[in-house]
C-alpha atoms as a PDB file:
ATOM      1  CA  MET A   1     171.682 -41.133 117.913  1.00  0.00           C
ATOM      2  CA  GLU A   2     168.155 -41.969 118.939  1.00  0.00           C
ATOM      3  CA  GLY A   3     165.151 -41.834 116.669  1.00  0.00           C
ATOM      4  CA  PRO A   4     162.980 -38.786 115.881  1.00  0.00           C
ATOM      5  CA  GLY A   5     160.275 -37.432 118.136  1.00  0.00           C
ATOM      6  CA  CYS A   6     158.571 -34.212 119.160  1.00  0.00           C
ATOM      7  CA  VAL A   7     161.061 -31.401 119.593  1.00  0.00           C
ATOM      8  CA  GLY A   8     160.736 -28.368 121.835  1.00  0.00           C
ATOM      9  CA  ILE A   9     162.899 -25.370 120.922  1.00  0.00           C
ATOM     10  CA  ASP A  10     163.270 -22.491 123.376  1.00  0.00           C
ATOM     11  CA  VAL A  11     164.829 -19.412 121.766  1.00  0.00           C
ATOM     12  CA  ALA A  12     166.609 -17.039 124.119  1.00  0.00           C
ATOM     13  CA  THR A  13     168.818 -14.052 123.377  1.00  0.00           C
ATOM     14  CA  ALA A  14     172.104 -15.924 123.763  1.00  0.00           C
ATOM     15  CA  GLN A  15     171.284 -19.524 122.888  1.00  0.00           C
ATOM     16  CA  VAL A  16     168.702 -21.946 121.543  1.00  0.00           C
ATOM     17  CA  ASP A  17     167.807 -24.856 123.846  1.00  0.00           C
ATOM     18  CA  VAL A  18     166.451 -28.055 122.335  1.00  0.00           C
ATOM     19  CA  ALA A  19     164.641 -30.946 124.037  1.00  0.00           C
ATOM     20  CA  VAL A  20     163.362 -34.152 122.446  1.00  0.00           C
ATOM     21  CA  ARG A  21     160.438 -36.223 123.640  1.00  0.00           C
ATOM     22  CA  PRO A  22     160.208 -39.151 124.316  1.00  0.00           C
ATOM     23  CA  ALA A  23     163.945 -39.698 123.922  1.00  0.00           C
ATOM     24  CA  GLY A  24     164.808 -37.191 126.646  1.00  0.00           C
ATOM     25  CA  GLU A  25     167.737 -35.779 124.697  1.00  0.00           C
ATOM     26  CA  ARG A  26     168.673 -32.161 125.386  1.00  0.00           C
ATOM     27  CA  TRP A  27     171.296 -29.814 123.936  1.00  0.00           C
ATOM     28  CA  ALA A  28     171.844 -26.171 122.999  1.00  0.00           C
ATOM     29  CA  VAL A  29     173.415 -24.073 120.243  1.00  0.00           C
ATOM     30  CA  PRO A  30     174.318 -20.371 120.124  1.00  0.00           C
ATOM     31  CA  ASN A  31     171.562 -18.089 118.893  1.00  0.00           C
ATOM     32  CA  ASP A  32     173.383 -16.897 115.797  1.00  0.00           C
ATOM     33  CA  ALA A  33     173.508 -17.787 112.109  1.00  0.00           C
ATOM     34  CA  GLY A  34     175.893 -20.687 112.658  1.00  0.00           C
ATOM     35  CA  GLY A  35     173.867 -22.143 115.504  1.00  0.00           C
ATOM     36  CA  VAL A  36     170.618 -22.063 113.531  1.00  0.00           C
ATOM     37  CA  VAL A  37     172.312 -23.705 110.533  1.00  0.00           C
ATOM     38  CA  THR A  38     173.548 -26.473 112.836  1.00  0.00           C
ATOM     39  CA  LEU A  39     169.990 -26.901 114.086  1.00  0.00           C
ATOM     40  CA  VAL A  40     168.635 -27.237 110.561  1.00  0.00           C
ATOM     41  CA  GLU A  41     171.279 -29.743 109.446  1.00  0.00           C
ATOM     42  CA  ARG A  42     170.763 -31.908 112.515  1.00  0.00           C
ATOM     43  CA  TRP A  43     166.996 -32.155 112.168  1.00  0.00           C
ATOM     44  CA  GLN A  44     166.929 -32.520 108.407  1.00  0.00           C
ATOM     45  CA  ALA A  45     168.861 -35.771 108.849  1.00  0.00           C
ATOM     46  CA  ARG A  46     166.553 -37.074 111.601  1.00  0.00           C
ATOM     47  CA  HIS A  47     163.069 -36.233 110.216  1.00  0.00           C
ATOM     48  CA  PRO A  48     161.329 -35.201 113.461  1.00  0.00           C
ATOM     49  CA  THR A  49     157.591 -35.519 113.958  1.00  0.00           C
ATOM     50  CA  LEU A  50     157.135 -31.916 115.060  1.00  0.00           C
ATOM     51  CA  LEU A  51     159.244 -28.929 116.065  1.00  0.00           C
ATOM     52  CA  VAL A  52     157.489 -26.495 118.402  1.00  0.00           C
ATOM     53  CA  LEU A  53     158.601 -22.988 119.373  1.00  0.00           C
ATOM     54  CA  GLU A  54     156.671 -20.478 121.445  1.00  0.00           C
ATOM     55  CA  ALA A  55     156.029 -16.874 120.492  1.00  0.00           C
ATOM     56  CA  THR A  56     158.531 -14.985 122.657  1.00  0.00           C
ATOM     57  CA  GLY A  57     158.374 -11.384 121.524  1.00  0.00           C
ATOM     58  CA  GLY A  58     159.879 -12.015 118.108  1.00  0.00           C
ATOM     59  CA  LEU A  59     163.029 -13.890 119.171  1.00  0.00           C
ATOM     60  CA  GLU A  60     161.681 -17.018 117.491  1.00  0.00           C
ATOM     61  CA  ARG A  61     161.280 -15.417 114.039  1.00  0.00           C
ATOM     62  CA  ALA A  62     164.877 -15.798 112.872  1.00  0.00           C
ATOM     63  CA  ALA A  63     164.964 -19.506 113.744  1.00  0.00           C
ATOM     64  CA  THR A  64     161.522 -20.126 112.246  1.00  0.00           C
ATOM     65  CA  ALA A  65     162.466 -18.343 109.024  1.00  0.00           C
ATOM     66  CA  VAL A  66     165.343 -20.812 108.559  1.00  0.00           C
ATOM     67  CA  LEU A  67     163.691 -24.008 109.816  1.00  0.00           C
ATOM     68  CA  ALA A  68     160.431 -23.755 107.842  1.00  0.00           C
ATOM     69  CA  PRO A  69     161.958 -23.375 104.342  1.00  0.00           C
ATOM     70  CA  ALA A  70     164.043 -26.497 105.099  1.00  0.00           C
ATOM     71  CA  SER A  71     160.797 -28.540 104.901  1.00  0.00           C
ATOM     72  CA  LEU A  72     160.754 -29.165 108.650  1.00  0.00           C
ATOM     73  CA  PRO A  73     157.377 -29.393 110.463  1.00  0.00           C
ATOM     74  CA  VAL A  74     157.640 -26.161 112.475  1.00  0.00           C
ATOM     75  CA  VAL A  75     154.858 -24.711 114.629  1.00  0.00           C
ATOM     76  CA  VAL A  76     154.933 -21.482 116.651  1.00  0.00           C
ATOM     77  CA  VAL A  77     152.469 -21.811 119.536  1.00  0.00           C
ATOM     78  CA  ASN A  78     150.973 -19.425 122.043  1.00  0.00           C
ATOM     79  CA  PRO A  79     153.021 -19.567 125.282  1.00  0.00           C
ATOM     80  CA  ARG A  80     149.910 -20.226 127.390  1.00  0.00           C
ATOM     81  CA  PRO A  81     149.323 -23.938 126.580  1.00  0.00           C
ATOM     82  CA  ALA A  82     153.021 -24.757 126.889  1.00  0.00           C
ATOM     83  CA  ARG A  83     153.254 -23.079 130.285  1.00  0.00           C
ATOM     84  CA  ASP A  84     150.040 -24.727 131.451  1.00  0.00           C
ATOM     85  CA  VAL A  85     151.496 -28.119 130.534  1.00  0.00           C
ATOM     86  CA  ALA A  86     154.674 -27.258 132.422  1.00  0.00           C
ATOM     87  CA  ARG A  87     152.765 -26.215 135.558  1.00  0.00           C
ATOM     88  CA  ALA A  88     150.627 -29.343 135.484  1.00  0.00           C
ATOM     89  CA  THR A  89     153.389 -31.881 134.928  1.00  0.00           C
ATOM     90  CA  GLY A  90     156.720 -30.435 136.012  1.00  0.00           C
ATOM     91  CA  PRO A  91     158.541 -28.228 138.488  1.00  0.00           C
ATOM     92  CA  TRP A  92     157.611 -24.574 138.883  1.00  0.00           C
ATOM     93  CA  ALA A  93     161.190 -23.426 138.306  1.00  0.00           C
ATOM     94  CA  THR A  94     161.832 -21.699 134.987  1.00  0.00           C
ATOM     95  CA  THR A  95     165.012 -22.151 132.963  1.00  0.00           C
ATOM     96  CA  GLU A  96     165.671 -22.354 129.239  1.00  0.00           C
ATOM     97  CA  ALA A  97     166.220 -26.112 129.526  1.00  0.00           C
ATOM     98  CA  TRP A  98     162.924 -26.657 131.356  1.00  0.00           C
ATOM     99  CA  ASP A  99     161.118 -24.425 128.873  1.00  0.00           C
ATOM    100  CA  ALA A 100     162.400 -26.557 125.996  1.00  0.00           C
ATOM    101  CA  ARG A 101     161.226 -29.717 127.773  1.00  0.00           C
ATOM    102  CA  ALA A 102     157.810 -28.173 128.371  1.00  0.00           C
ATOM    103  CA  LEU A 103     157.523 -27.278 124.685  1.00  0.00           C
ATOM    104  CA  ALA A 104     158.481 -30.832 123.691  1.00  0.00           C
ATOM    105  CA  HIS A 105     155.869 -32.203 126.097  1.00  0.00           C
ATOM    106  CA  CYS A 106     153.280 -29.776 124.718  1.00  0.00           C
ATOM    107  CA  ALA A 107     154.119 -30.882 121.169  1.00  0.00           C
ATOM    108  CA  ASP A 108     153.790 -34.551 122.105  1.00  0.00           C
ATOM    109  CA  VAL A 109     150.461 -34.131 123.909  1.00  0.00           C
ATOM    110  CA  LEU A 110     148.662 -31.471 121.859  1.00  0.00           C
ATOM    111  CA  ARG A 111     150.185 -32.103 118.408  1.00  0.00           C
ATOM    112  CA  PRO A 112     149.514 -28.598 116.980  1.00  0.00           C
ATOM    113  CA  THR A 113     149.105 -28.467 113.206  1.00  0.00           C
ATOM    114  CA  PRO A 114     151.920 -26.842 111.192  1.00  0.00           C
ATOM    115  CA  ARG A 115     150.749 -23.755 109.297  1.00  0.00           C
ATOM    116  CA  PRO A 116     152.277 -22.023 106.280  1.00  0.00           C
ATOM    117  CA  LEU A 117     154.457 -19.065 107.197  1.00  0.00           C
ATOM    118  CA  PRO A 118     153.370 -15.618 105.959  1.00  0.00           C
ATOM    119  CA  ASP A 119     155.101 -14.039 102.988  1.00  0.00           C
ATOM    120  CA  THR A 120     157.963 -11.602 103.525  1.00  0.00           C
ATOM    121  CA  GLN A 121     155.728  -8.530 103.207  1.00  0.00           C
ATOM    122  CA  THR A 122     153.126  -9.526 105.794  1.00  0.00           C
ATOM    123  CA  PRO A 123     155.431  -9.349 108.877  1.00  0.00           C
ATOM    124  CA  GLU A 124     156.581  -5.881 107.804  1.00  0.00           C
ATOM    125  CA  LEU A 125     152.985  -4.680 107.477  1.00  0.00           C
ATOM    126  CA  ARG A 126     152.111  -6.209 110.845  1.00  0.00           C
ATOM    127  CA  ALA A 127     155.036  -4.380 112.428  1.00  0.00           C
ATOM    128  CA  LEU A 128     153.830  -1.065 110.981  1.00  0.00           C
ATOM    129  CA  PHE A 129     150.295  -1.727 112.087  1.00  0.00           C
ATOM    130  CA  GLY A 130     151.441  -2.794 115.547  1.00  0.00           C
ATOM    131  CA  ARG A 131     153.382   0.441 115.934  1.00  0.00           C
ATOM    132  CA  ARG A 132     150.248   2.394 115.072  1.00  0.00           C
ATOM    133  CA  GLN A 133     148.164   0.884 117.873  1.00  0.00           C
ATOM    134  CA  PRO A 134     149.954   2.459 120.881  1.00  0.00           C
ATOM    135  CA  TRP A 135     150.065   5.837 119.147  1.00  0.00           C
ATOM    136  CA  VAL A 136     146.332   5.732 118.518  1.00  0.00           C
ATOM    137  CA  GLY A 137     145.842   4.898 122.182  1.00  0.00           C
ATOM    138  CA  MET A 138     148.048   7.794 123.279  1.00  0.00           C
ATOM    139  CA  ARG A 139     146.269  10.432 121.222  1.00  0.00           C
ATOM    140  CA  PRO A 140     142.949  10.538 123.142  1.00  0.00           C
ATOM    141  CA  ALA A 141     144.849  10.666 126.443  1.00  0.00           C
ATOM    142  CA  GLU A 142     146.893  13.635 125.231  1.00  0.00           C
ATOM    143  CA  GLN A 143     143.773  15.341 123.884  1.00  0.00           C
ATOM    144  CA  ASN A 144     142.070  14.984 127.269  1.00  0.00           C
ATOM    145  CA  ARG A 145     145.092  16.472 129.046  1.00  0.00           C
ATOM    146  CA  LEU A 146     145.239  19.308 126.554  1.00  0.00           C
ATOM    147  CA  ALA A 147     141.542  20.154 127.009  1.00  0.00           C
ATOM    148  CA  GLY A 148     141.950  20.666 130.752  1.00  0.00           C
ATOM    149  CA  THR A 149     144.945  23.013 130.707  1.00  0.00           C
ATOM    150  CA  SER A 150     145.780  26.550 129.655  1.00  0.00           C
ATOM    151  CA  GLY A 151     148.726  28.889 129.253  1.00  0.00           C
ATOM    152  CA  ARG A 152     152.247  27.476 129.077  1.00  0.00           C
ATOM    153  CA  ARG A 153     151.084  24.027 130.118  1.00  0.00           C
ATOM    154  CA  GLN A 154     148.821  23.918 127.060  1.00  0.00           C
ATOM    155  CA  THR A 155     151.743  24.875 124.812  1.00  0.00           C
ATOM    156  CA  ASP A 156     153.861  22.077 126.293  1.00  0.00           C
ATOM    157  CA  LEU A 157     151.126  19.513 125.717  1.00  0.00           C
ATOM    158  CA  ALA A 158     150.393  20.699 122.176  1.00  0.00           C
ATOM    159  CA  ALA A 159     153.874  19.661 120.985  1.00  0.00           C
ATOM    160  CA  PRO A 160     153.370  15.910 121.629  1.00  0.00           C
ATOM    161  CA  MET A 161     149.964  16.088 119.971  1.00  0.00           C
ATOM    162  CA  ALA A 162     151.460  17.611 116.830  1.00  0.00           C
ATOM    163  CA  TRP A 163     154.193  14.959 116.810  1.00  0.00           C
ATOM    164  CA  LEU A 164     151.651  12.125 117.230  1.00  0.00           C
ATOM    165  CA  ASN A 165     149.447  13.410 114.415  1.00  0.00           C
ATOM    166  CA  GLU A 166     152.435  13.791 112.116  1.00  0.00           C
ATOM    167  CA  ARG A 167     153.784  10.326 112.893  1.00  0.00           C
ATOM    168  CA  LEU A 168     150.384   8.689 112.432  1.00  0.00           C
ATOM    169  CA  ALA A 169     149.909  10.407 109.072  1.00  0.00           C
ATOM    170  CA  THR A 170     153.362   9.286 107.927  1.00  0.00           C
ATOM    171  CA  LEU A 171     152.771   5.751 109.162  1.00  0.00           C
ATOM    172  CA  ASP A 172     149.406   5.523 107.407  1.00  0.00           C
ATOM    173  CA  ASP A 173     150.946   6.773 104.152  1.00  0.00           C
ATOM    174  CA  ASP A 174     153.757   4.214 104.429  1.00  0.00           C
ATOM    175  CA  SER A 175     151.291   1.405 105.113  1.00  0.00           C
ATOM    176  CA  GLU A 176     149.089   2.443 102.203  1.00  0.00           C
ATOM    177  CA  THR A 177     152.075   2.532  99.847  1.00  0.00           C
ATOM    178  CA  ARG A 178     153.151  -0.956 100.860  1.00  0.00           C
ATOM    179  CA  LEU A 179     149.627  -2.308 100.554  1.00  0.00           C
ATOM    180  CA  ARG A 180     149.175  -0.821  97.093  1.00  0.00           C
ATOM    181  CA  ALA A 181     152.358  -2.615  96.045  1.00  0.00           C
ATOM    182  CA  SER A 182     150.866  -5.949  97.112  1.00  0.00           C
ATOM    183  CA  PRO A 183     148.979  -7.861  94.384  1.00  0.00           C
ATOM    184  CA  ARG A 184     147.180  -9.807  97.116  1.00  0.00           C
ATOM    185  CA  TRP A 185     145.773  -6.612  98.593  1.00  0.00           C
ATOM    186  CA  ARG A 186     144.913  -4.963  95.257  1.00  0.00           C
ATOM    187  CA  ALA A 187     142.852  -8.012  94.313  1.00  0.00           C
ATOM    188  CA  ASN A 188     140.314  -6.959  96.944  1.00  0.00           C
ATOM    189  CA  ASP A 189     140.101  -3.277  95.973  1.00  0.00           C
ATOM    190  CA  ASP A 190     136.591  -3.717  94.588  1.00  0.00           C
ATOM    191  CA  VAL A 191     135.453  -5.644  97.683  1.00  0.00           C
ATOM    192  CA  TRP A 192     136.520  -3.404 100.588  1.00  0.00           C
ATOM    193  CA  PRO A 193     134.435  -0.292  99.768  1.00  0.00           C
ATOM    194  CA  SER A 194     131.242  -2.325  99.432  1.00  0.00           C
ATOM    195  CA  ALA A 195     131.410  -4.074 102.801  1.00  0.00           C
ATOM    196  CA  PRO A 196     129.174  -2.509 105.467  1.00  0.00           C
ATOM    197  CA  GLY A 197     131.136  -1.146 108.406  1.00  0.00           C
ATOM    198  CA  LEU A 198     134.493  -2.067 106.870  1.00  0.00           C
ATOM    199  CA  GLY A 199     136.836   0.921 106.848  1.00  0.00           C
ATOM    200  CA  PRO A 200     140.551   0.919 105.899  1.00  0.00           C
ATOM    201  CA  VAL A 201     141.818   0.134 109.423  1.00  0.00           C
ATOM    202  CA  CYS A 202     139.281  -2.640 109.910  1.00  0.00           C
ATOM    203  CA  ALA A 203     140.155  -4.184 106.542  1.00  0.00           C
ATOM    204  CA  ARG A 204     143.887  -4.158 107.266  1.00  0.00           C
ATOM    205  CA  THR A 205     143.337  -5.666 110.703  1.00  0.00           C
ATOM    206  CA  TRP A 206     141.184  -8.442 109.243  1.00  0.00           C
ATOM    207  CA  VAL A 207     143.760  -9.419 106.624  1.00  0.00           C
ATOM    208  CA  LEU A 208     146.983  -8.982 108.611  1.00  0.00           C
ATOM    209  CA  GLU A 209     145.993 -10.084 112.116  1.00  0.00           C
ATOM    210  CA  LEU A 210     143.806 -13.079 111.230  1.00  0.00           C
ATOM    211  CA  PRO A 211     145.870 -15.112 108.763  1.00  0.00           C
ATOM    212  CA  GLU A 212     144.256 -18.365 110.006  1.00  0.00           C
ATOM    213  CA  ARG A 213     140.764 -17.297 108.918  1.00  0.00           C
ATOM    214  CA  GLY A 214     140.862 -19.200 105.606  1.00  0.00           C
ATOM    215  CA  PRO A 215     140.193 -22.817 106.688  1.00  0.00           C
ATOM    216  CA  ARG A 216     138.284 -21.861 109.870  1.00  0.00           C
ATOM    217  CA  ASN A 217     134.522 -21.944 110.238  1.00  0.00           C
ATOM    218  CA  ARG A 218     132.394 -19.214 111.812  1.00  0.00           C
ATOM    219  CA  GLN A 219     132.684 -20.554 115.362  1.00  0.00           C
ATOM    220  CA  GLN A 220     136.465 -20.961 115.144  1.00  0.00           C
ATOM    221  CA  ILE A 221     136.986 -17.434 113.783  1.00  0.00           C
ATOM    222  CA  ALA A 222     134.800 -16.046 116.567  1.00  0.00           C
ATOM    223  CA  ALA A 223     136.985 -17.891 119.097  1.00  0.00           C
ATOM    224  CA  LEU A 224     140.158 -16.445 117.526  1.00  0.00           C
ATOM    225  CA  VAL A 225     138.802 -12.928 117.879  1.00  0.00           C
ATOM    226  CA  GLY A 226     137.497 -13.665 121.375  1.00  0.00           C
ATOM    227  CA  VAL A 227     133.763 -13.165 120.817  1.00  0.00           C
ATOM    228  CA  ALA A 228     132.650 -16.792 121.028  1.00  0.00           C
ATOM    229  CA  PRO A 229     130.200 -17.247 123.939  1.00  0.00           C
ATOM    230  CA  ARG A 230     131.695 -19.611 126.502  1.00  0.00           C
ATOM    231  CA  ASN A 231     129.554 -21.333 129.071  1.00  0.00           C
ATOM    232  CA  GLY A 232     130.398 -21.366 132.764  1.00  0.00           C
ATOM    233  CA  ASP A 233     127.925 -24.045 133.877  1.00  0.00           C
ATOM    234  CA  SER A 234     128.984 -25.612 137.163  1.00  0.00           C
ATOM    235  CA  GLY A 235     126.910 -26.942 140.015  1.00  0.00           C
ATOM    236  CA  THR A 236     123.677 -24.991 140.196  1.00  0.00           C
ATOM    237  CA  ARG A 237     124.952 -22.204 137.958  1.00  0.00           C
ATOM    238  CA  ARG A 238     123.374 -22.396 134.525  1.00  0.00           C
ATOM    239  CA  GLY A 239     122.695 -20.238 131.513  1.00  0.00           C
ATOM    240  CA  ARG A 240     125.240 -17.428 131.729  1.00  0.00           C
ATOM    241  CA  ARG A 241     127.690 -17.033 128.847  1.00  0.00           C
ATOM    242  CA  THR A 242     130.765 -14.821 128.707  1.00  0.00           C
ATOM    243  CA  ILE A 243     133.565 -14.062 126.264  1.00  0.00           C
ATOM    244  CA  TRP A 244     137.276 -14.153 127.085  1.00  0.00           C
ATOM    245  CA  GLY A 245     140.611 -14.704 125.403  1.00  0.00           C
ATOM    246  CA  GLY A 246     141.224 -14.067 121.734  1.00  0.00           C
ATOM    247  CA  ARG A 247     142.993 -11.112 120.165  1.00  0.00           C
ATOM    248  CA  ALA A 248     141.940  -7.996 122.011  1.00  0.00           C
ATOM    249  CA  HIS A 249     143.251  -5.447 119.499  1.00  0.00           C
ATOM    250  CA  VAL A 250     141.432  -7.236 116.645  1.00  0.00           C
ATOM    251  CA  ARG A 251     138.254  -7.345 118.687  1.00  0.00           C
ATOM    252  CA  THR A 252     138.476  -3.621 119.411  1.00  0.00           C
ATOM    253  CA  VAL A 253     138.721  -2.702 115.733  1.00  0.00           C
ATOM    254  CA  LEU A 254     136.032  -5.128 114.586  1.00  0.00           C
ATOM    255  CA  TYR A 255     133.708  -3.855 117.315  1.00  0.00           C
ATOM    256  CA  ARG A 256     133.611  -0.497 115.532  1.00  0.00           C
ATOM    257  CA  GLY A 257     133.013  -2.252 112.228  1.00  0.00           C
ATOM    258  CA  THR A 258     130.124  -4.224 113.712  1.00  0.00           C
ATOM    259  CA  LEU A 259     128.572  -0.986 114.951  1.00  0.00           C
ATOM    260  CA  GLY A 260     128.482   0.241 111.351  1.00  0.00           C
ATOM    261  CA  ALA A 261     127.170  -3.103 110.101  1.00  0.00           C
ATOM    262  CA  THR A 262     124.198  -3.015 112.504  1.00  0.00           C
ATOM    263  CA  ARG A 263     123.153   0.242 110.868  1.00  0.00           C
ATOM    264  CA  ASP A 264     123.606  -0.778 107.208  1.00  0.00           C
ATOM    265  CA  THR A 265     123.162  -4.573 107.111  1.00  0.00           C
ATOM    266  CA  PRO A 266     119.571  -5.844 107.324  1.00  0.00           C
ATOM    267  CA  ARG A 267     120.476  -9.116 109.045  1.00  0.00           C
ATOM    268  CA  SER A 268     122.779  -7.542 111.646  1.00  0.00           C
ATOM    269  CA  LYS A 269     120.370  -4.666 112.231  1.00  0.00           C
ATOM    270  CA  ALA A 270     117.415  -7.006 112.814  1.00  0.00           C
ATOM    271  CA  PHE A 271     119.450  -9.212 115.167  1.00  0.00           C
ATOM    272  CA  ASP A 272     120.699  -6.200 117.108  1.00  0.00           C
ATOM    273  CA  GLU A 273     117.189  -4.769 117.485  1.00  0.00           C
ATOM    274  CA  ARG A 274     115.820  -8.125 118.621  1.00  0.00           C
ATOM    275  CA  LEU A 275     118.464  -8.412 121.347  1.00  0.00           C
ATOM    276  CA  LEU A 276     117.849  -4.857 122.520  1.00  0.00           C
ATOM    277  CA  ALA A 277     114.091  -5.477 122.620  1.00  0.00           C
ATOM    278  CA  ALA A 278     114.773  -8.543 124.787  1.00  0.00           C
ATOM    279  CA  GLY A 279     116.538  -6.338 127.334  1.00  0.00           C
ATOM    280  CA  GLN A 280     120.192  -6.880 126.420  1.00  0.00           C
ATOM    281  CA  VAL A 281     122.722  -4.097 126.987  1.00  0.00           C
ATOM    282  CA  LYS A 282     123.874  -2.375 123.772  1.00  0.00           C
ATOM    283  CA  LYS A 283     127.470  -3.579 124.094  1.00  0.00           C
ATOM    284  CA  VAL A 284     126.351  -7.149 124.726  1.00  0.00           C
ATOM    285  CA  ALA A 285     124.110  -6.998 121.657  1.00  0.00           C
ATOM    286  CA  LEU A 286     126.954  -5.672 119.495  1.00  0.00           C
ATOM    287  CA  THR A 287     129.274  -8.399 120.735  1.00  0.00           C
ATOM    288  CA  ALA A 288     126.652 -10.996 119.815  1.00  0.00           C
ATOM    289  CA  CYS A 289     126.460  -9.470 116.318  1.00  0.00           C
ATOM    290  CA  MET A 290     130.215  -9.686 115.753  1.00  0.00           C
ATOM    291  CA  PRO A 291     130.271 -13.363 114.616  1.00  0.00           C
ATOM    292  CA  THR A 292     127.769 -12.464 111.880  1.00  0.00           C
ATOM    293  CA  PHE A 293     129.969  -9.554 110.815  1.00  0.00           C
ATOM    294  CA  LEU A 294     132.996 -11.871 110.710  1.00  0.00           C
ATOM    295  CA  THR A 295     131.059 -14.330 108.551  1.00  0.00           C
ATOM    296  CA  ILE A 296     130.196 -11.554 106.099  1.00  0.00           C
ATOM    297  CA  LEU A 297     133.848 -10.504 105.821  1.00  0.00           C
ATOM    298  CA  LYS A 298     135.018 -14.053 105.230  1.00  0.00           C
ATOM    299  CA  ALA A 299     132.375 -14.599 102.523  1.00  0.00           C
ATOM    300  CA  LEU A 300     133.386 -11.394 100.738  1.00  0.00           C
ATOM    301  CA  LEU A 301     137.053 -12.414 100.603  1.00  0.00           C
ATOM    302  CA  LYS A 302     136.305 -16.011  99.693  1.00  0.00           C
ATOM    303  CA  HIS A 303     134.090 -15.173  96.719  1.00  0.00           C
ATOM    304  CA  ARG A 304     135.744 -11.812  95.892  1.00  0.00           C
ATOM    305  CA  THR A 305     132.414 -10.249  95.034  1.00  0.00           C
ATOM    306  CA  PRO A 306     131.023  -6.871  96.185  1.00  0.00           C
ATOM    307  CA  TRP A 307     128.588  -6.831  99.070  1.00  0.00           C
ATOM    308  CA  GLN A 308     125.002  -7.842  98.249  1.00  0.00           C
ATOM    309  CA  ALA A 309     122.592  -7.983 101.155  1.00  0.00           C
ATOM    310  CA  GLN A 310     120.217 -10.390  99.420  1.00  0.00           C
ATOM    311  CA  ALA A 311     122.968 -12.932  98.677  1.00  0.00           C
ATOM    312  CA  VAL A 312     124.176 -13.063 102.267  1.00  0.00           C
ATOM    313  CA  GLN A 313     120.671 -13.146 103.740  1.00  0.00           C
ATOM    314  CA  GLY A 314     119.661 -15.979 101.493  1.00  0.00           C
END
């Protein structure tokens, strides 16, 4: 058996494909409890440099939950860089075996840093919160349909609205109960109400959907959310900056929080007014204020102290 290396693991419904770089070894096991145990035993004996899986709609969670506690260097990466590596260096065909090789190549070239896995409660809360998002998006659409109808059609449309409101209320109660049972969440009870623009939904999104915020600086957190200005200078084109990428649903929620912060926070309010006076569009100005809002939130959680405008401004 050849020595350790960077390992790419592609998790499909029926099987788990494994590829090793630079050895070139490739094999597969069934995607069941026995197959994952075999995977763990094999790599525990070989001490690999890195094991990389891609986020594939949750299929990777069962394997990750077994590999990580076995003290193996496991990383779950965004599919985009792995697929970009595959397009740049390999054939365009897609199979589980080629996907595993692409992940191994990505691991060898990029060397992503292993991160601690979330506790058992966090994935459950994320699942609840993720279920809430499409329902919240459906409700305004149903309200608009309901406003433009009458008679029997209005009665038919009122039923889904009642169901949506009931389900959202139940889901919010369930989420609140679970959060109140979490010592980690209760530790911030005195911090959340004091933060400008930070409502319950915004607070939950910040904690659950940005677990990497701890060791990141202001610029890196802004890039995670997708509000970091990115230059597009090429040839004679200069000066224009745009935002792209990041986590759209987090950005949407924090946008509303930033709107509140520009009304109640002296620093954000002054920055927003200066941009508007310079001719910027309101939405552009709010987007520019979002990194400051993110910095405020991180400082509040880091120091666990209620909001004080003077302390942050200083």
